[in-house]
Structure formats: structure tokens, C-alpha cells
Amino acid sequence: MRISASRVATMLCVGVLAMAAGCSKQGPLERAGEEVDEAVDTVKNGKESTATKLDDAADEVRDGVKDATK
């Protein structure tokens, strides 16, 4: 079964928006811990993982929404 690129992109966008909506309150320690985890994963794998990229995108979306509502 082949999945089209547009379907994958749509699923990715929905996932990022769901993460941004579900995790809107994150304290500074939680964010710092997340960044440490991402750094450790990057060092282990030698490259940034897809999950890390998605987390970063969700953080950017969340910050953009927060800035837009101010």
C-alpha cells in the first residue's frame, strides 16, 4: 500500500496541531528537560530525530499562537 505525500503531510499537520493544543502549558523546567532529552538523542543517533523535529515544530506553533493571542 502506498501513501501519498499529501496524505502524509496532512497527517503530520494534524498531529502537530493536536500536540500544540493538548500541551499548551509547559513550565520552564519541563522545557529544559525536553531540550536535554533531545540533545542526548541527537548525540546518540548522530543526527536530529524526526520526533525531535516534530517537537520543535510544535513548540514553534505553540509560541506563534501564544504571540498571536497577545
N, C-alpha and C. Protein backbone atom coordinates (compact mmCIF):
# COMPACT_ATOMS: atom_id res chain seq x y z
N MET A 1 0.84 -1.17 0.00
CA MET A 1 0.00 0.00 0.00
C MET A 1 0.89 1.24 0.00
N ARG A 2 0.61 2.16 -0.88
CA ARG A 2 1.38 3.40 -0.96
C ARG A 2 0.57 4.53 -0.36
N ILE A 3 1.24 5.38 0.35
CA ILE A 3 0.60 6.56 0.94
C ILE A 3 1.14 7.78 0.22
N SER A 4 0.23 8.63 -0.24
CA SER A 4 0.66 9.80 -1.00
C SER A 4 1.32 10.83 -0.08
N ALA A 5 2.15 11.65 -0.66
CA ALA A 5 2.86 12.67 0.10
C ALA A 5 1.90 13.68 0.71
N SER A 6 0.83 14.01 0.01
CA SER A 6 -0.13 14.97 0.56
C SER A 6 -0.85 14.39 1.77
N ARG A 7 -1.11 13.09 1.75
CA ARG A 7 -1.76 12.45 2.90
C ARG A 7 -0.82 12.45 4.11
N VAL A 8 0.45 12.18 3.87
CA VAL A 8 1.43 12.19 4.96
C VAL A 8 1.56 13.61 5.52
N ALA A 9 1.61 14.60 4.65
CA ALA A 9 1.71 15.99 5.09
C ALA A 9 0.49 16.40 5.91
N THR A 10 -0.68 15.97 5.47
CA THR A 10 -1.91 16.28 6.20
C THR A 10 -1.90 15.64 7.58
N MET A 11 -1.50 14.37 7.65
CA MET A 11 -1.44 13.69 8.95
C MET A 11 -0.41 14.35 9.86
N LEU A 12 0.70 14.78 9.31
CA LEU A 12 1.74 15.44 10.08
C LEU A 12 1.22 16.76 10.66
N CYS A 13 0.54 17.53 9.84
CA CYS A 13 -0.01 18.82 10.30
C CYS A 13 -1.05 18.62 11.40
N VAL A 14 -1.91 17.64 11.22
CA VAL A 14 -2.94 17.35 12.23
C VAL A 14 -2.26 16.94 13.54
N GLY A 15 -1.24 16.12 13.45
CA GLY A 15 -0.52 15.70 14.65
C GLY A 15 0.14 16.85 15.37
N VAL A 16 0.77 17.73 14.62
CA VAL A 16 1.44 18.89 15.23
C VAL A 16 0.42 19.79 15.89
N LEU A 17 -0.70 20.04 15.23
CA LEU A 17 -1.73 20.89 15.82
C LEU A 17 -2.34 20.25 17.06
N ALA A 18 -2.52 18.94 17.04
CA ALA A 18 -3.06 18.25 18.21
C ALA A 18 -2.09 18.34 19.38
N MET A 19 -0.80 18.19 19.10
CA MET A 19 0.19 18.32 20.18
C MET A 19 0.21 19.74 20.73
N ALA A 20 0.10 20.72 19.86
CA ALA A 20 0.12 22.11 20.30
C ALA A 20 -1.10 22.43 21.14
N ALA A 21 -2.24 21.90 20.77
CA ALA A 21 -3.46 22.16 21.52
C ALA A 21 -3.47 21.41 22.84
N GLY A 22 -2.96 20.20 22.85
CA GLY A 22 -3.00 19.38 24.05
C GLY A 22 -1.94 19.71 25.07
N CYS A 23 -0.88 20.36 24.67
CA CYS A 23 0.25 20.62 25.57
C CYS A 23 0.54 22.10 25.63
N SER A 24 -0.46 22.90 25.87
CA SER A 24 -0.27 24.34 25.79
C SER A 24 0.46 24.91 27.00
N LYS A 25 0.41 24.23 28.16
CA LYS A 25 1.06 24.76 29.35
C LYS A 25 2.29 23.94 29.66
N GLN A 26 3.44 24.55 29.48
CA GLN A 26 4.70 23.88 29.73
C GLN A 26 5.57 24.83 30.52
N GLY A 27 6.01 24.39 31.67
CA GLY A 27 6.86 25.23 32.52
C GLY A 27 8.28 25.27 32.03
N PRO A 28 9.08 26.17 32.59
CA PRO A 28 10.47 26.30 32.15
C PRO A 28 11.30 25.06 32.43
N LEU A 29 11.05 24.37 33.55
CA LEU A 29 11.81 23.16 33.84
C LEU A 29 11.44 22.03 32.89
N GLU A 30 10.17 21.96 32.55
CA GLU A 30 9.72 20.93 31.61
C GLU A 30 10.35 21.13 30.24
N ARG A 31 10.40 22.36 29.80
CA ARG A 31 11.03 22.69 28.52
C ARG A 31 12.52 22.39 28.53
N ALA A 32 13.17 22.75 29.64
CA ALA A 32 14.61 22.50 29.75
C ALA A 32 14.89 21.00 29.72
N GLY A 33 14.07 20.22 30.42
CA GLY A 33 14.24 18.77 30.41
C GLY A 33 14.04 18.19 29.03
N GLU A 34 13.07 18.73 28.31
CA GLU A 34 12.81 18.28 26.95
C GLU A 34 14.00 18.57 26.05
N GLU A 35 14.60 19.73 26.21
CA GLU A 35 15.76 20.10 25.40
C GLU A 35 16.96 19.20 25.71
N VAL A 36 17.13 18.84 26.98
CA VAL A 36 18.21 17.93 27.36
C VAL A 36 17.99 16.57 26.72
N ASP A 37 16.75 16.07 26.79
CA ASP A 37 16.42 14.78 26.17
C ASP A 37 16.71 14.80 24.67
N GLU A 38 16.33 15.88 24.02
CA GLU A 38 16.55 16.00 22.58
C GLU A 38 18.05 16.01 22.27
N ALA A 39 18.83 16.72 23.09
CA ALA A 39 20.28 16.79 22.87
C ALA A 39 20.91 15.41 23.04
N VAL A 40 20.48 14.66 24.05
CA VAL A 40 21.02 13.32 24.27
C VAL A 40 20.68 12.41 23.10
N ASP A 41 19.43 12.49 22.61
CA ASP A 41 19.03 11.69 21.46
C ASP A 41 19.85 12.04 20.23
N THR A 42 20.10 13.32 20.04
CA THR A 42 20.88 13.77 18.89
C THR A 42 22.31 13.23 18.96
N VAL A 43 22.90 13.26 20.15
CA VAL A 43 24.27 12.76 20.32
C VAL A 43 24.30 11.24 20.08
N LYS A 44 23.29 10.53 20.61
CA LYS A 44 23.25 9.07 20.44
C LYS A 44 23.11 8.68 18.97
N ASN A 45 22.21 9.36 18.26
CA ASN A 45 21.90 8.99 16.88
C ASN A 45 22.81 9.64 15.86
N GLY A 46 23.51 10.66 16.24
CA GLY A 46 24.39 11.36 15.30
C GLY A 46 23.66 12.34 14.41
N LYS A 47 22.35 12.38 14.55
CA LYS A 47 21.55 13.34 13.79
C LYS A 47 20.26 13.59 14.57
N GLU A 48 19.58 14.65 14.20
CA GLU A 48 18.34 15.01 14.87
C GLU A 48 17.22 14.07 14.41
N SER A 49 16.49 13.50 15.35
CA SER A 49 15.44 12.54 15.00
C SER A 49 14.20 13.25 14.49
N THR A 50 13.34 12.51 13.84
CA THR A 50 12.07 13.05 13.34
C THR A 50 11.20 13.51 14.51
N ALA A 51 11.20 12.76 15.60
CA ALA A 51 10.40 13.14 16.76
C ALA A 51 10.86 14.48 17.32
N THR A 52 12.17 14.70 17.34
CA THR A 52 12.71 15.98 17.81
C THR A 52 12.28 17.11 16.89
N LYS A 53 12.33 16.86 15.60
CA LYS A 53 11.90 17.89 14.65
C LYS A 53 10.43 18.22 14.83
N LEU A 54 9.61 17.20 15.06
CA LEU A 54 8.18 17.43 15.28
C LEU A 54 7.95 18.19 16.58
N ASP A 55 8.68 17.84 17.63
CA ASP A 55 8.56 18.57 18.89
C ASP A 55 8.94 20.03 18.71
N ASP A 56 10.01 20.29 17.98
CA ASP A 56 10.43 21.66 17.73
C ASP A 56 9.37 22.42 16.94
N ALA A 57 8.78 21.77 15.95
CA ALA A 57 7.73 22.41 15.16
C ALA A 57 6.52 22.71 16.02
N ALA A 58 6.16 21.78 16.90
CA ALA A 58 5.02 22.00 17.79
C ALA A 58 5.30 23.17 18.74
N ASP A 59 6.53 23.26 19.24
CA ASP A 59 6.90 24.38 20.11
C ASP A 59 6.78 25.70 19.37
N GLU A 60 7.23 25.73 18.12
CA GLU A 60 7.15 26.95 17.33
C GLU A 60 5.70 27.35 17.07
N VAL A 61 4.86 26.36 16.78
CA VAL A 61 3.43 26.64 16.55
C VAL A 61 2.81 27.17 17.83
N ARG A 62 3.11 26.53 18.97
CA ARG A 62 2.56 26.95 20.25
C ARG A 62 2.99 28.37 20.57
N ASP A 63 4.28 28.68 20.37
CA ASP A 63 4.77 30.03 20.63
C ASP A 63 4.13 31.05 19.70
N GLY A 64 3.94 30.68 18.44
CA GLY A 64 3.30 31.57 17.49
C GLY A 64 1.87 31.86 17.87
N VAL A 65 1.15 30.85 18.31
CA VAL A 65 -0.25 31.03 18.73
C VAL A 65 -0.29 31.92 19.97
N LYS A 66 0.64 31.66 20.90
CA LYS A 66 0.68 32.46 22.12
C LYS A 66 0.96 33.93 21.79
N ASP A 67 1.90 34.17 20.88
CA ASP A 67 2.23 35.55 20.49
C ASP A 67 1.06 36.20 19.76
N ALA A 68 0.34 35.45 18.95
CA ALA A 68 -0.77 35.99 18.17
C ALA A 68 -1.95 36.36 19.06
N THR A 69 -2.11 35.67 20.18
CA THR A 69 -3.24 35.95 21.05
C THR A 69 -2.97 37.08 22.04
N LYS A 70 -1.74 37.56 22.10
CA LYS A 70 -1.41 38.68 23.00
C LYS A 70 -1.89 39.98 22.46
